[in-house]
Structures are given as C-alpha cells and as structure tokens.
C-alpha cells in the first residue's frame, strides 16, 4: 500500500489517514473534525502534523479514497477499501510496523519510510538475509520513485545495499562476445585465484545483477494481511472504481489464480538455492523467461554476494 500511495501521488493524504487511525484508539472508524484539527494542527501538540489550511487541503484530497466526511465528522475507510481505491489487487510481502516518528517528521521522511517499508517487507524473517535482488527500473515502476530519489530515500532511512554478481562459464573469446551481447556493460572477467570455481587461476565470465536491499522496520504477523486480502478479493470481483488493470506484466483483476501463478513462475529469476531454481518449470509446461539465479552460500564480505546462473530449466 505504501508503494501505491507513492505511485498515485496520495502519500500526503495517506499520512493523514494513518494518523487518524492512530488517533481513533477505539477503532470506531469515525472522528470529529474539530478533534483532529486540535490534535494535528496545534504546534504545541505532540501529534502536530500540519497547519489548519493544509489540513483542509488534505481532507479534500483524500475524499473518496481514505474517508468520507461531512462538516463535522470523517468516516475512515478500511484498509481493504483504501487499497482497492489505490489500485492494489493484493497485499504481498511481510507486514511491517511504521514508527510514529515516520508520520510526524515531515512529508519527505514519510515518503522515504513508505519506500523503505517495501524493502523491509521483502525480508522473510528478522534475520533479513533472504531479500532477492530487484532492479532500480522495477522499483521505479512499482513506486513511481526515480533512481535519484531512491538513493536519497535509502540514505535518509538507512537502507543497506548489497551488490550481487553472477559467475558464469569459463572465459573464451567466442563465449565472451556472445555473453556481451546479453549482459552489455555489466559483463567483466573474474580470475579465480583460490580455485573456488574450479582449477586455480582460471578466468570466468561474470556480470553484475541488481542489488539487494535491507530495510530496518520491524516485521509483523500476517494474520491481518490475510483478512484484508480476502476483503480485497471481494472488492476486486465487484469491480470497484480505481481498481481496473494493474501493474505492467501482471494479469488483470479477475484472472484465474492458476494463470497468476504460472506467470509468477515464468518471470521469477532469483531463488534461495539450486534445487528451487532447477524446479522452476511448473507442471503446466510454461517456459521460464530467461535465465535464473541462486545465491552461493558462504561467499562475500557483507558488501556483495555471488550467484550461480542457470540458463535453461
């Protein structure tokens, strides 16, 4: 949902929605506007968010997406309805907890935390060692955040970046030329002085893969996310406005789950181990798109990781 807020330009009103949910401690879903104004626009308040004029602007901007309102009250929409209105078909990844400071430290900090939360949620556990590589162009498509802003957010929130490199076949003149056509400027030669790949001193072709990123947010259980996804599925099937289509390369809303799984298998490129990579071809016979990779264990100094390459399943 955080990426959808960024992609749709709805992060400012989204911050107010999250703060309103925080103020609604009883979970009633309705708040008086004068109480919100007092809590969020008084500079001496510990929950100061913005000025009164900006609050009025945000209430107008979020109408129909995050809430409905009259002159005295706002009725907060549920997470499922907000997700659907933002064009989200399904919540993925691990839920994370945003600190209150992420909401109160300015809109720039909030944008950075929304971007960082995506990386935090890609970790499989608190050890945070399982996030797969992801290209900056892919991140830009998902979030609407350009490369320069991505780096700015990473530095601001403290996202750790891990460089990834794939080790291919032994270097030959003909093989290097063919591989250069596929990998472009990312290709280079690597001499194996220690004999880790094979014969000591042999030279191999290698190329850079997209980076891996590690966020800092605390992971949360998936129970509530599953409940929201069930509600989202019902809303998508009913064709809520703002939920037509989806991200590039994803099946349209309402497409059978089996078709979604086949597409996911065919386009997945990174795997935790060689066994999973070797079994990537599903029973349906869908041809995987391009090579796949799995991480080599016990190699790297914390700044980079090495990956094996599998050209065909």
C-alpha atoms as a PDB file:
ATOM      1  CA  UNK A   1       0.000   0.000   0.000  1.00  0.00           C
ATOM      2  CA  UNK A   2       2.891   2.338   0.694  1.00  0.00           C
ATOM      3  CA  UNK A   3       4.180   1.997  -2.857  1.00  0.00           C
ATOM      4  CA  UNK A   4       0.667   2.545  -4.204  1.00  0.00           C
ATOM      5  CA  UNK A   5       0.440   5.796  -2.227  1.00  0.00           C
ATOM      6  CA  UNK A   6       3.713   6.947  -3.787  1.00  0.00           C
ATOM      7  CA  UNK A   7       2.753   5.772  -7.268  1.00  0.00           C
ATOM      8  CA  UNK A   8      -0.631   7.518  -7.144  1.00  0.00           C
ATOM      9  CA  UNK A   9       0.693  10.698  -5.509  1.00  0.00           C
ATOM     10  CA  UNK A  10      -1.561  10.070  -2.497  1.00  0.00           C
ATOM     11  CA  UNK A  11       1.089   9.909   0.215  1.00  0.00           C
ATOM     12  CA  UNK A  12       0.222  13.258   1.869  1.00  0.00           C
ATOM     13  CA  UNK A  13      -3.430  12.344   2.413  1.00  0.00           C
ATOM     14  CA  UNK A  14      -2.304   8.811   3.244  1.00  0.00           C
ATOM     15  CA  UNK A  15      -0.204  10.158   6.109  1.00  0.00           C
ATOM     16  CA  UNK A  16      -3.305  11.912   7.490  1.00  0.00           C
ATOM     17  CA  UNK A  17      -5.299   8.676   7.150  1.00  0.00           C
ATOM     18  CA  UNK A  18      -2.718   6.741   9.140  1.00  0.00           C
ATOM     19  CA  UNK A  19      -2.552   9.451  11.800  1.00  0.00           C
ATOM     20  CA  UNK A  20      -6.353   9.485  12.024  1.00  0.00           C
ATOM     21  CA  UNK A  21      -6.390   5.727  12.523  1.00  0.00           C
ATOM     22  CA  UNK A  22      -3.790   6.182  15.268  1.00  0.00           C
ATOM     23  CA  UNK A  23      -5.979   8.802  16.977  1.00  0.00           C
ATOM     24  CA  UNK A  24      -9.000   6.508  16.661  1.00  0.00           C
ATOM     25  CA  UNK A  25      -7.813   4.355  19.531  1.00  0.00           C
ATOM     26  CA  UNK A  26     -11.204   2.688  19.985  1.00  0.00           C
ATOM     27  CA  UNK A  27     -11.356   1.651  16.342  1.00  0.00           C
ATOM     28  CA  UNK A  28     -14.773   3.203  15.734  1.00  0.00           C
ATOM     29  CA  UNK A  29     -13.804   4.460  12.286  1.00  0.00           C
ATOM     30  CA  UNK A  30     -15.316   7.922  12.811  1.00  0.00           C
ATOM     31  CA  UNK A  31     -13.693  11.081  14.214  1.00  0.00           C
ATOM     32  CA  UNK A  32     -14.817  14.628  14.786  1.00  0.00           C
ATOM     33  CA  UNK A  33     -13.005  17.074  12.523  1.00  0.00           C
ATOM     34  CA  UNK A  34     -12.581  19.624  15.322  1.00  0.00           C
ATOM     35  CA  UNK A  35     -10.799  16.985  17.448  1.00  0.00           C
ATOM     36  CA  UNK A  36      -8.490  16.101  14.549  1.00  0.00           C
ATOM     37  CA  UNK A  37      -7.796  19.791  13.984  1.00  0.00           C
ATOM     38  CA  UNK A  38      -6.895  20.334  17.631  1.00  0.00           C
ATOM     39  CA  UNK A  39      -4.615  17.288  17.808  1.00  0.00           C
ATOM     40  CA  UNK A  40      -2.829  17.657  14.471  1.00  0.00           C
ATOM     41  CA  UNK A  41      -2.596  21.418  13.843  1.00  0.00           C
ATOM     42  CA  UNK A  42      -1.683  22.765  17.300  1.00  0.00           C
ATOM     43  CA  UNK A  43       2.073  23.355  17.260  1.00  0.00           C
ATOM     44  CA  UNK A  44       2.406  22.507  20.938  1.00  0.00           C
ATOM     45  CA  UNK A  45       0.721  19.119  20.379  1.00  0.00           C
ATOM     46  CA  UNK A  46       2.933  16.029  20.411  1.00  0.00           C
ATOM     47  CA  UNK A  47       0.996  14.894  17.324  1.00  0.00           C
ATOM     48  CA  UNK A  48       1.463  18.083  15.314  1.00  0.00           C
ATOM     49  CA  UNK A  49       1.238  17.224  11.620  1.00  0.00           C
ATOM     50  CA  UNK A  50       0.480  20.368   9.601  1.00  0.00           C
ATOM     51  CA  UNK A  51      -1.285  23.744   9.635  1.00  0.00           C
ATOM     52  CA  UNK A  52      -5.046  24.229   9.505  1.00  0.00           C
ATOM     53  CA  UNK A  53      -5.073  25.266   5.843  1.00  0.00           C
ATOM     54  CA  UNK A  54      -3.044  22.216   4.846  1.00  0.00           C
ATOM     55  CA  UNK A  55      -5.374  20.002   6.863  1.00  0.00           C
ATOM     56  CA  UNK A  56      -8.338  21.326   4.884  1.00  0.00           C
ATOM     57  CA  UNK A  57      -6.445  20.650   1.651  1.00  0.00           C
ATOM     58  CA  UNK A  58      -5.664  17.105   2.730  1.00  0.00           C
ATOM     59  CA  UNK A  59      -9.255  16.407   3.714  1.00  0.00           C
ATOM     60  CA  UNK A  60     -10.336  17.392   0.205  1.00  0.00           C
ATOM     61  CA  UNK A  61      -7.520  15.420  -1.463  1.00  0.00           C
ATOM     62  CA  UNK A  62      -8.325  12.203   0.407  1.00  0.00           C
ATOM     63  CA  UNK A  63     -12.096  12.346  -0.073  1.00  0.00           C
ATOM     64  CA  UNK A  64     -13.405   9.124  -1.596  1.00  0.00           C
ATOM     65  CA  UNK A  65     -10.064   7.312  -1.195  1.00  0.00           C
ATOM     66  CA  UNK A  66      -9.285   7.392   2.515  1.00  0.00           C
ATOM     67  CA  UNK A  67     -12.551   8.675   4.011  1.00  0.00           C
ATOM     68  CA  UNK A  68     -15.933  10.248   3.503  1.00  0.00           C
ATOM     69  CA  UNK A  69     -16.986  13.297   5.527  1.00  0.00           C
ATOM     70  CA  UNK A  70     -19.496  15.954   6.333  1.00  0.00           C
ATOM     71  CA  UNK A  71     -18.962  19.306   8.056  1.00  0.00           C
ATOM     72  CA  UNK A  72     -18.378  17.752  11.467  1.00  0.00           C
ATOM     73  CA  UNK A  73     -17.054  14.198  11.052  1.00  0.00           C
ATOM     74  CA  UNK A  74     -14.950  11.973   8.848  1.00  0.00           C
ATOM     75  CA  UNK A  75     -15.611   8.271   8.378  1.00  0.00           C
ATOM     76  CA  UNK A  76     -12.339   6.418   7.823  1.00  0.00           C
ATOM     77  CA  UNK A  77     -12.320   3.755   5.156  1.00  0.00           C
ATOM     78  CA  UNK A  78     -10.962   0.300   5.914  1.00  0.00           C
ATOM     79  CA  UNK A  79      -7.508  -0.791   4.779  1.00  0.00           C
ATOM     80  CA  UNK A  80      -9.061  -3.078   2.143  1.00  0.00           C
ATOM     81  CA  UNK A  81     -11.168  -0.277   0.629  1.00  0.00           C
ATOM     82  CA  UNK A  82      -8.229   2.122   0.621  1.00  0.00           C
ATOM     83  CA  UNK A  83      -6.017  -0.490  -1.045  1.00  0.00           C
ATOM     84  CA  UNK A  84      -8.658  -1.115  -3.714  1.00  0.00           C
ATOM     85  CA  UNK A  85      -9.095   2.612  -4.335  1.00  0.00           C
ATOM     86  CA  UNK A  86      -5.316   2.912  -4.808  1.00  0.00           C
ATOM     87  CA  UNK A  87      -5.326   0.138  -7.407  1.00  0.00           C
ATOM     88  CA  UNK A  88      -3.857  -2.592  -5.189  1.00  0.00           C
ATOM     89  CA  UNK A  89      -5.183  -6.063  -6.029  1.00  0.00           C
ATOM     90  CA  UNK A  90      -3.358  -7.983  -3.310  1.00  0.00           C
ATOM     91  CA  UNK A  91      -1.080  -7.185  -0.382  1.00  0.00           C
ATOM     92  CA  UNK A  92       2.211  -9.071  -0.679  1.00  0.00           C
ATOM     93  CA  UNK A  93       5.367  -9.334   1.358  1.00  0.00           C
ATOM     94  CA  UNK A  94       5.609  -9.274   5.122  1.00  0.00           C
ATOM     95  CA  UNK A  95       3.664  -6.567   7.014  1.00  0.00           C
ATOM     96  CA  UNK A  96       5.885  -4.058   8.798  1.00  0.00           C
ATOM     97  CA  UNK A  97       5.382  -1.532  11.604  1.00  0.00           C
ATOM     98  CA  UNK A  98       5.962   2.147  10.795  1.00  0.00           C
ATOM     99  CA  UNK A  99       7.194   4.156  13.795  1.00  0.00           C
ATOM    100  CA  UNK A 100       5.101   7.185  14.779  1.00  0.00           C
ATOM    101  CA  UNK A 101       8.131   9.351  14.034  1.00  0.00           C
ATOM    102  CA  UNK A 102       7.808   8.369  10.363  1.00  0.00           C
ATOM    103  CA  UNK A 103       4.459  10.207  10.286  1.00  0.00           C
ATOM    104  CA  UNK A 104       5.491  13.227  12.340  1.00  0.00           C
ATOM    105  CA  UNK A 105       8.911  14.039  10.850  1.00  0.00           C
ATOM    106  CA  UNK A 106       7.650  15.694   7.673  1.00  0.00           C
ATOM    107  CA  UNK A 107       6.331  14.506   4.346  1.00  0.00           C
ATOM    108  CA  UNK A 108       9.836  13.847   2.983  1.00  0.00           C
ATOM    109  CA  UNK A 109      10.624  11.437   5.811  1.00  0.00           C
ATOM    110  CA  UNK A 110       7.227   9.777   5.356  1.00  0.00           C
ATOM    111  CA  UNK A 111       7.880   9.174   1.637  1.00  0.00           C
ATOM    112  CA  UNK A 112      11.260   7.675   2.489  1.00  0.00           C
ATOM    113  CA  UNK A 113       9.681   5.341   5.055  1.00  0.00           C
ATOM    114  CA  UNK A 114       6.995   4.194   2.596  1.00  0.00           C
ATOM    115  CA  UNK A 115       9.716   3.322   0.100  1.00  0.00           C
ATOM    116  CA  UNK A 116      11.860   1.655   2.778  1.00  0.00           C
ATOM    117  CA  UNK A 117       8.921  -0.334   4.148  1.00  0.00           C
ATOM    118  CA  UNK A 118       8.701  -2.183   0.829  1.00  0.00           C
ATOM    119  CA  UNK A 119      12.289  -3.385   1.228  1.00  0.00           C
ATOM    120  CA  UNK A 120      11.695  -4.280   4.885  1.00  0.00           C
ATOM    121  CA  UNK A 121       8.663  -6.350   3.894  1.00  0.00           C
ATOM    122  CA  UNK A 122      10.624  -8.366   1.323  1.00  0.00           C
ATOM    123  CA  UNK A 123      12.670  -9.995   4.103  1.00  0.00           C
ATOM    124  CA  UNK A 124      11.396 -13.426   5.107  1.00  0.00           C
ATOM    125  CA  UNK A 125      12.353 -13.122   8.756  1.00  0.00           C
ATOM    126  CA  UNK A 126      14.037 -10.832  11.256  1.00  0.00           C
ATOM    127  CA  UNK A 127      17.469 -12.098  10.145  1.00  0.00           C
ATOM    128  CA  UNK A 128      16.824 -10.049   6.953  1.00  0.00           C
ATOM    129  CA  UNK A 129      19.063 -12.181   4.726  1.00  0.00           C
ATOM    130  CA  UNK A 130      16.513 -13.502   2.257  1.00  0.00           C
ATOM    131  CA  UNK A 131      15.610 -10.452   0.154  1.00  0.00           C
ATOM    132  CA  UNK A 132      16.087 -11.213  -3.539  1.00  0.00           C
ATOM    133  CA  UNK A 133      17.730  -8.749  -5.984  1.00  0.00           C
ATOM    134  CA  UNK A 134      15.493  -6.138  -7.577  1.00  0.00           C
ATOM    135  CA  UNK A 135      16.353  -3.695 -10.367  1.00  0.00           C
ATOM    136  CA  UNK A 136      16.010   0.049  -9.928  1.00  0.00           C
ATOM    137  CA  UNK A 137      13.838   0.238 -13.036  1.00  0.00           C
ATOM    138  CA  UNK A 138      11.499  -2.284 -11.415  1.00  0.00           C
ATOM    139  CA  UNK A 139      11.427  -0.208  -8.235  1.00  0.00           C
ATOM    140  CA  UNK A 140      10.642   2.891 -10.284  1.00  0.00           C
ATOM    141  CA  UNK A 141       7.736   1.097 -11.968  1.00  0.00           C
ATOM    142  CA  UNK A 142       6.346  -0.146  -8.664  1.00  0.00           C
ATOM    143  CA  UNK A 143       6.683   3.082  -6.709  1.00  0.00           C
ATOM    144  CA  UNK A 144       6.905   5.905  -9.236  1.00  0.00           C
ATOM    145  CA  UNK A 145      10.153   6.930  -7.487  1.00  0.00           C
ATOM    146  CA  UNK A 146      13.076   7.658  -9.815  1.00  0.00           C
ATOM    147  CA  UNK A 147      16.622   6.392  -9.374  1.00  0.00           C
ATOM    148  CA  UNK A 148      17.950   9.578  -7.763  1.00  0.00           C
ATOM    149  CA  UNK A 149      15.098   9.756  -5.255  1.00  0.00           C
ATOM    150  CA  UNK A 150      15.533   6.050  -4.476  1.00  0.00           C
ATOM    151  CA  UNK A 151      19.141   6.669  -3.456  1.00  0.00           C
ATOM    152  CA  UNK A 152      18.096   9.722  -1.431  1.00  0.00           C
ATOM    153  CA  UNK A 153      15.480   7.716   0.466  1.00  0.00           C
ATOM    154  CA  UNK A 154      17.922   4.861   1.066  1.00  0.00           C
ATOM    155  CA  UNK A 155      20.465   7.239   2.588  1.00  0.00           C
ATOM    156  CA  UNK A 156      17.838   9.048   4.660  1.00  0.00           C
ATOM    157  CA  UNK A 157      16.300   5.975   6.269  1.00  0.00           C
ATOM    158  CA  UNK A 158      19.446   3.836   6.395  1.00  0.00           C
ATOM    159  CA  UNK A 159      18.613   1.084   3.906  1.00  0.00           C
ATOM    160  CA  UNK A 160      21.525  -1.317   3.452  1.00  0.00           C
ATOM    161  CA  UNK A 161      22.508  -2.099  -0.124  1.00  0.00           C
ATOM    162  CA  UNK A 162      24.122  -5.387  -1.173  1.00  0.00           C
ATOM    163  CA  UNK A 163      25.750  -5.730  -4.616  1.00  0.00           C
ATOM    164  CA  UNK A 164      25.157  -9.030  -6.457  1.00  0.00           C
ATOM    165  CA  UNK A 165      27.318 -10.690  -9.103  1.00  0.00           C
ATOM    166  CA  UNK A 166      26.689 -13.786 -11.218  1.00  0.00           C
ATOM    167  CA  UNK A 167      29.512 -16.202 -12.082  1.00  0.00           C
ATOM    168  CA  UNK A 168      29.137 -17.845 -15.481  1.00  0.00           C
ATOM    169  CA  UNK A 169      31.160 -20.071 -17.740  1.00  0.00           C
ATOM    170  CA  UNK A 170      34.921 -20.101 -18.299  1.00  0.00           C
ATOM    171  CA  UNK A 171      36.086 -17.167 -20.397  1.00  0.00           C
ATOM    172  CA  UNK A 172      36.719 -17.846 -24.086  1.00  0.00           C
ATOM    173  CA  UNK A 173      36.977 -15.351 -26.932  1.00  0.00           C
ATOM    174  CA  UNK A 174      33.802 -16.545 -28.659  1.00  0.00           C
ATOM    175  CA  UNK A 175      31.884 -17.059 -25.426  1.00  0.00           C
ATOM    176  CA  UNK A 176      32.799 -13.638 -24.118  1.00  0.00           C
ATOM    177  CA  UNK A 177      31.498 -11.946 -27.267  1.00  0.00           C
ATOM    178  CA  UNK A 178      28.214 -13.882 -27.130  1.00  0.00           C
ATOM    179  CA  UNK A 179      27.757 -13.165 -23.440  1.00  0.00           C
ATOM    180  CA  UNK A 180      28.496  -9.461 -24.020  1.00  0.00           C
ATOM    181  CA  UNK A 181      25.506  -9.267 -26.346  1.00  0.00           C
ATOM    182  CA  UNK A 182      23.270 -10.448 -23.492  1.00  0.00           C
ATOM    183  CA  UNK A 183      24.827  -8.688 -20.479  1.00  0.00           C
ATOM    184  CA  UNK A 184      26.167  -5.496 -22.060  1.00  0.00           C
ATOM    185  CA  UNK A 185      28.366  -3.290 -19.907  1.00  0.00           C
ATOM    186  CA  UNK A 186      27.616  -5.352 -16.803  1.00  0.00           C
ATOM    187  CA  UNK A 187      29.983  -8.096 -18.081  1.00  0.00           C
ATOM    188  CA  UNK A 188      33.553  -8.486 -16.820  1.00  0.00           C
ATOM    189  CA  UNK A 189      36.132 -11.267 -16.347  1.00  0.00           C
ATOM    190  CA  UNK A 190      36.972 -12.769 -12.964  1.00  0.00           C
ATOM    191  CA  UNK A 191      40.163 -14.698 -12.262  1.00  0.00           C
ATOM    192  CA  UNK A 192      39.708 -17.433  -9.669  1.00  0.00           C
ATOM    193  CA  UNK A 193      42.998 -17.237  -7.772  1.00  0.00           C
ATOM    194  CA  UNK A 194      41.815 -19.524  -4.951  1.00  0.00           C
ATOM    195  CA  UNK A 195      40.248 -22.217  -7.115  1.00  0.00           C
ATOM    196  CA  UNK A 196      36.750 -21.774  -5.706  1.00  0.00           C
ATOM    197  CA  UNK A 197      35.056 -22.377  -9.078  1.00  0.00           C
ATOM    198  CA  UNK A 198      37.406 -24.986 -10.480  1.00  0.00           C
ATOM    199  CA  UNK A 199      41.054 -25.042 -11.458  1.00  0.00           C
ATOM    200  CA  UNK A 200      43.120 -22.463  -9.614  1.00  0.00           C
ATOM    201  CA  UNK A 201      43.886 -19.369 -11.693  1.00  0.00           C
ATOM    202  CA  UNK A 202      41.176 -19.993 -14.293  1.00  0.00           C
ATOM    203  CA  UNK A 203      39.259 -16.997 -15.666  1.00  0.00           C
ATOM    204  CA  UNK A 204      35.468 -16.871 -15.744  1.00  0.00           C
ATOM    205  CA  UNK A 205      32.866 -14.547 -17.163  1.00  0.00           C
ATOM    206  CA  UNK A 206      30.882 -12.620 -14.556  1.00  0.00           C
ATOM    207  CA  UNK A 207      28.306  -9.861 -14.615  1.00  0.00           C
ATOM    208  CA  UNK A 208      26.560  -7.571 -12.182  1.00  0.00           C
ATOM    209  CA  UNK A 209      22.985  -8.302 -11.120  1.00  0.00           C
ATOM    210  CA  UNK A 210      20.532  -5.892  -9.499  1.00  0.00           C
ATOM    211  CA  UNK A 211      21.206  -5.006  -5.881  1.00  0.00           C
ATOM    212  CA  UNK A 212      19.502  -6.416  -2.793  1.00  0.00           C
ATOM    213  CA  UNK A 213      18.181  -4.031  -0.148  1.00  0.00           C
ATOM    214  CA  UNK A 214      17.584  -4.413   3.576  1.00  0.00           C
ATOM    215  CA  UNK A 215      15.081  -2.208   5.392  1.00  0.00           C
ATOM    216  CA  UNK A 216      15.023  -1.512   9.112  1.00  0.00           C
ATOM    217  CA  UNK A 217      11.329  -1.793  10.011  1.00  0.00           C
ATOM    218  CA  UNK A 218      10.005  -4.358  12.470  1.00  0.00           C
ATOM    219  CA  UNK A 219       8.155  -7.253  10.837  1.00  0.00           C
ATOM    220  CA  UNK A 220       4.577  -8.001  11.865  1.00  0.00           C
ATOM    221  CA  UNK A 221       2.447 -11.192  11.703  1.00  0.00           C
ATOM    222  CA  UNK A 222       0.484 -11.891   8.526  1.00  0.00           C
ATOM    223  CA  UNK A 223      -2.882 -12.600  10.147  1.00  0.00           C
ATOM    224  CA  UNK A 224      -4.453  -9.219   9.454  1.00  0.00           C
ATOM    225  CA  UNK A 225      -2.963  -9.102   5.952  1.00  0.00           C
ATOM    226  CA  UNK A 226      -4.715 -12.351   5.045  1.00  0.00           C
ATOM    227  CA  UNK A 227      -8.006 -10.935   6.250  1.00  0.00           C
ATOM    228  CA  UNK A 228      -7.512  -7.769   4.182  1.00  0.00           C
ATOM    229  CA  UNK A 229      -6.657  -9.834   1.101  1.00  0.00           C
ATOM    230  CA  UNK A 230      -9.899 -11.779   1.412  1.00  0.00           C
ATOM    231  CA  UNK A 231     -11.802  -8.491   1.560  1.00  0.00           C
ATOM    232  CA  UNK A 232      -9.773  -7.145  -1.362  1.00  0.00           C
ATOM    233  CA  UNK A 233     -10.632 -10.155  -3.487  1.00  0.00           C
ATOM    234  CA  UNK A 234     -14.331  -9.496  -2.941  1.00  0.00           C
ATOM    235  CA  UNK A 235     -13.918  -5.817  -3.800  1.00  0.00           C
ATOM    236  CA  UNK A 236     -11.938  -6.599  -6.950  1.00  0.00           C
ATOM    237  CA  UNK A 237     -14.562  -9.052  -8.144  1.00  0.00           C
ATOM    238  CA  UNK A 238     -17.213  -6.371  -7.664  1.00  0.00           C
ATOM    239  CA  UNK A 239     -15.183  -4.019  -9.862  1.00  0.00           C
ATOM    240  CA  UNK A 240     -14.589  -1.115  -7.511  1.00  0.00           C
ATOM    241  CA  UNK A 241     -13.622   2.119  -9.314  1.00  0.00           C
ATOM    242  CA  UNK A 242      -9.903   2.717  -9.484  1.00  0.00           C
ATOM    243  CA  UNK A 243      -9.057  -0.978  -9.484  1.00  0.00           C
ATOM    244  CA  UNK A 244      -9.144  -1.787 -13.185  1.00  0.00           C
ATOM    245  CA  UNK A 245      -5.953  -3.116 -14.691  1.00  0.00           C
ATOM    246  CA  UNK A 246      -2.796  -3.498 -12.641  1.00  0.00           C
ATOM    247  CA  UNK A 247       0.969  -3.283 -12.784  1.00  0.00           C
ATOM    248  CA  UNK A 248       2.774  -3.890 -16.028  1.00  0.00           C
ATOM    249  CA  UNK A 249       3.203  -7.599 -16.679  1.00  0.00           C
ATOM    250  CA  UNK A 250       0.565  -8.703 -14.163  1.00  0.00           C
ATOM    251  CA  UNK A 251      -2.720 -10.389 -15.017  1.00  0.00           C
ATOM    252  CA  UNK A 252      -5.793  -8.166 -14.959  1.00  0.00           C
ATOM    253  CA  UNK A 253      -8.134  -8.265 -11.997  1.00  0.00           C
ATOM    254  CA  UNK A 254     -10.339 -11.338 -12.019  1.00  0.00           C
ATOM    255  CA  UNK A 255      -7.887 -13.525 -13.939  1.00  0.00           C
ATOM    256  CA  UNK A 256      -7.785 -17.072 -12.531  1.00  0.00           C
ATOM    257  CA  UNK A 257      -5.306 -17.734  -9.729  1.00  0.00           C
ATOM    258  CA  UNK A 258      -3.680 -20.535 -11.748  1.00  0.00           C
ATOM    259  CA  UNK A 259      -2.833 -18.073 -14.525  1.00  0.00           C
ATOM    260  CA  UNK A 260      -1.291 -15.715 -11.990  1.00  0.00           C
ATOM    261  CA  UNK A 261       0.858 -18.498 -10.544  1.00  0.00           C
ATOM    262  CA  UNK A 262       2.054 -19.591 -13.979  1.00  0.00           C
ATOM    263  CA  UNK A 263       3.070 -16.049 -14.837  1.00  0.00           C
ATOM    264  CA  UNK A 264       4.861 -15.668 -11.500  1.00  0.00           C
ATOM    265  CA  UNK A 265       6.854 -18.874 -12.080  1.00  0.00           C
ATOM    266  CA  UNK A 266       7.703 -17.949 -15.664  1.00  0.00           C
ATOM    267  CA  UNK A 267       9.017 -14.486 -14.707  1.00  0.00           C
ATOM    268  CA  UNK A 268      10.742 -15.323 -11.401  1.00  0.00           C
ATOM    269  CA  UNK A 269      14.523 -15.085 -11.712  1.00  0.00           C
ATOM    270  CA  UNK A 270      16.052 -15.407  -8.234  1.00  0.00           C
ATOM    271  CA  UNK A 271      15.894 -18.422  -5.927  1.00  0.00           C
ATOM    272  CA  UNK A 272      17.303 -19.232  -2.478  1.00  0.00           C
ATOM    273  CA  UNK A 273      19.035 -22.440  -3.621  1.00  0.00           C
ATOM    274  CA  UNK A 274      19.868 -24.550  -6.679  1.00  0.00           C
ATOM    275  CA  UNK A 275      17.139 -27.101  -6.061  1.00  0.00           C
ATOM    276  CA  UNK A 276      14.410 -24.465  -6.188  1.00  0.00           C
ATOM    277  CA  UNK A 277      15.947 -22.972  -9.330  1.00  0.00           C
ATOM    278  CA  UNK A 278      16.074 -26.357 -11.043  1.00  0.00           C
ATOM    279  CA  UNK A 279      12.401 -26.991 -10.292  1.00  0.00           C
ATOM    280  CA  UNK A 280      11.150 -23.663 -11.604  1.00  0.00           C
ATOM    281  CA  UNK A 281       9.369 -25.178 -14.615  1.00  0.00           C
ATOM    282  CA  UNK A 282       5.764 -25.849 -13.479  1.00  0.00           C
ATOM    283  CA  UNK A 283       3.728 -28.893 -14.425  1.00  0.00           C
ATOM    284  CA  UNK A 284       1.792 -26.742 -16.857  1.00  0.00           C
ATOM    285  CA  UNK A 285       4.921 -26.543 -19.029  1.00  0.00           C
ATOM    286  CA  UNK A 286       5.148 -22.732 -19.066  1.00  0.00           C
ATOM    287  CA  UNK A 287       8.556 -21.793 -20.445  1.00  0.00           C
ATOM    288  CA  UNK A 288      10.543 -19.652 -17.962  1.00  0.00           C
ATOM    289  CA  UNK A 289      11.572 -16.242 -19.257  1.00  0.00           C
ATOM    290  CA  UNK A 290      15.371 -16.123 -19.473  1.00  0.00           C
ATOM    291  CA  UNK A 291      17.999 -17.430 -17.043  1.00  0.00           C
ATOM    292  CA  UNK A 292      17.534 -17.796 -13.314  1.00  0.00           C
ATOM    293  CA  UNK A 293      19.953 -17.490 -10.424  1.00  0.00           C
ATOM    294  CA  UNK A 294      20.500 -18.871  -6.948  1.00  0.00           C
ATOM    295  CA  UNK A 295      22.733 -17.471  -4.255  1.00  0.00           C
ATOM    296  CA  UNK A 296      26.062 -19.049  -3.481  1.00  0.00           C
ATOM    297  CA  UNK A 297      26.393 -19.681   0.240  1.00  0.00           C
ATOM    298  CA  UNK A 298      29.355 -18.684   2.365  1.00  0.00           C
ATOM    299  CA  UNK A 299      30.793 -16.185  -0.145  1.00  0.00           C
ATOM    300  CA  UNK A 300      31.031 -12.426   0.217  1.00  0.00           C
ATOM    301  CA  UNK A 301      32.130  -9.911   2.801  1.00  0.00           C
ATOM    302  CA  UNK A 302      28.786  -8.345   3.618  1.00  0.00           C
ATOM    303  CA  UNK A 303      29.087  -5.868   0.747  1.00  0.00           C
ATOM    304  CA  UNK A 304      28.438  -8.282  -2.123  1.00  0.00           C
ATOM    305  CA  UNK A 305      27.022 -11.733  -2.874  1.00  0.00           C
ATOM    306  CA  UNK A 306      27.808 -14.233  -5.639  1.00  0.00           C
ATOM    307  CA  UNK A 307      25.144 -16.092  -7.605  1.00  0.00           C
ATOM    308  CA  UNK A 308      25.109 -19.179  -9.816  1.00  0.00           C
ATOM    309  CA  UNK A 309      23.415 -18.945 -13.204  1.00  0.00           C
ATOM    310  CA  UNK A 310      21.067 -21.479 -14.803  1.00  0.00           C
ATOM    311  CA  UNK A 311      20.364 -20.721 -18.458  1.00  0.00           C
ATOM    312  CA  UNK A 312      17.700 -23.366 -19.077  1.00  0.00           C
ATOM    313  CA  UNK A 313      15.458 -25.329 -16.769  1.00  0.00           C
END
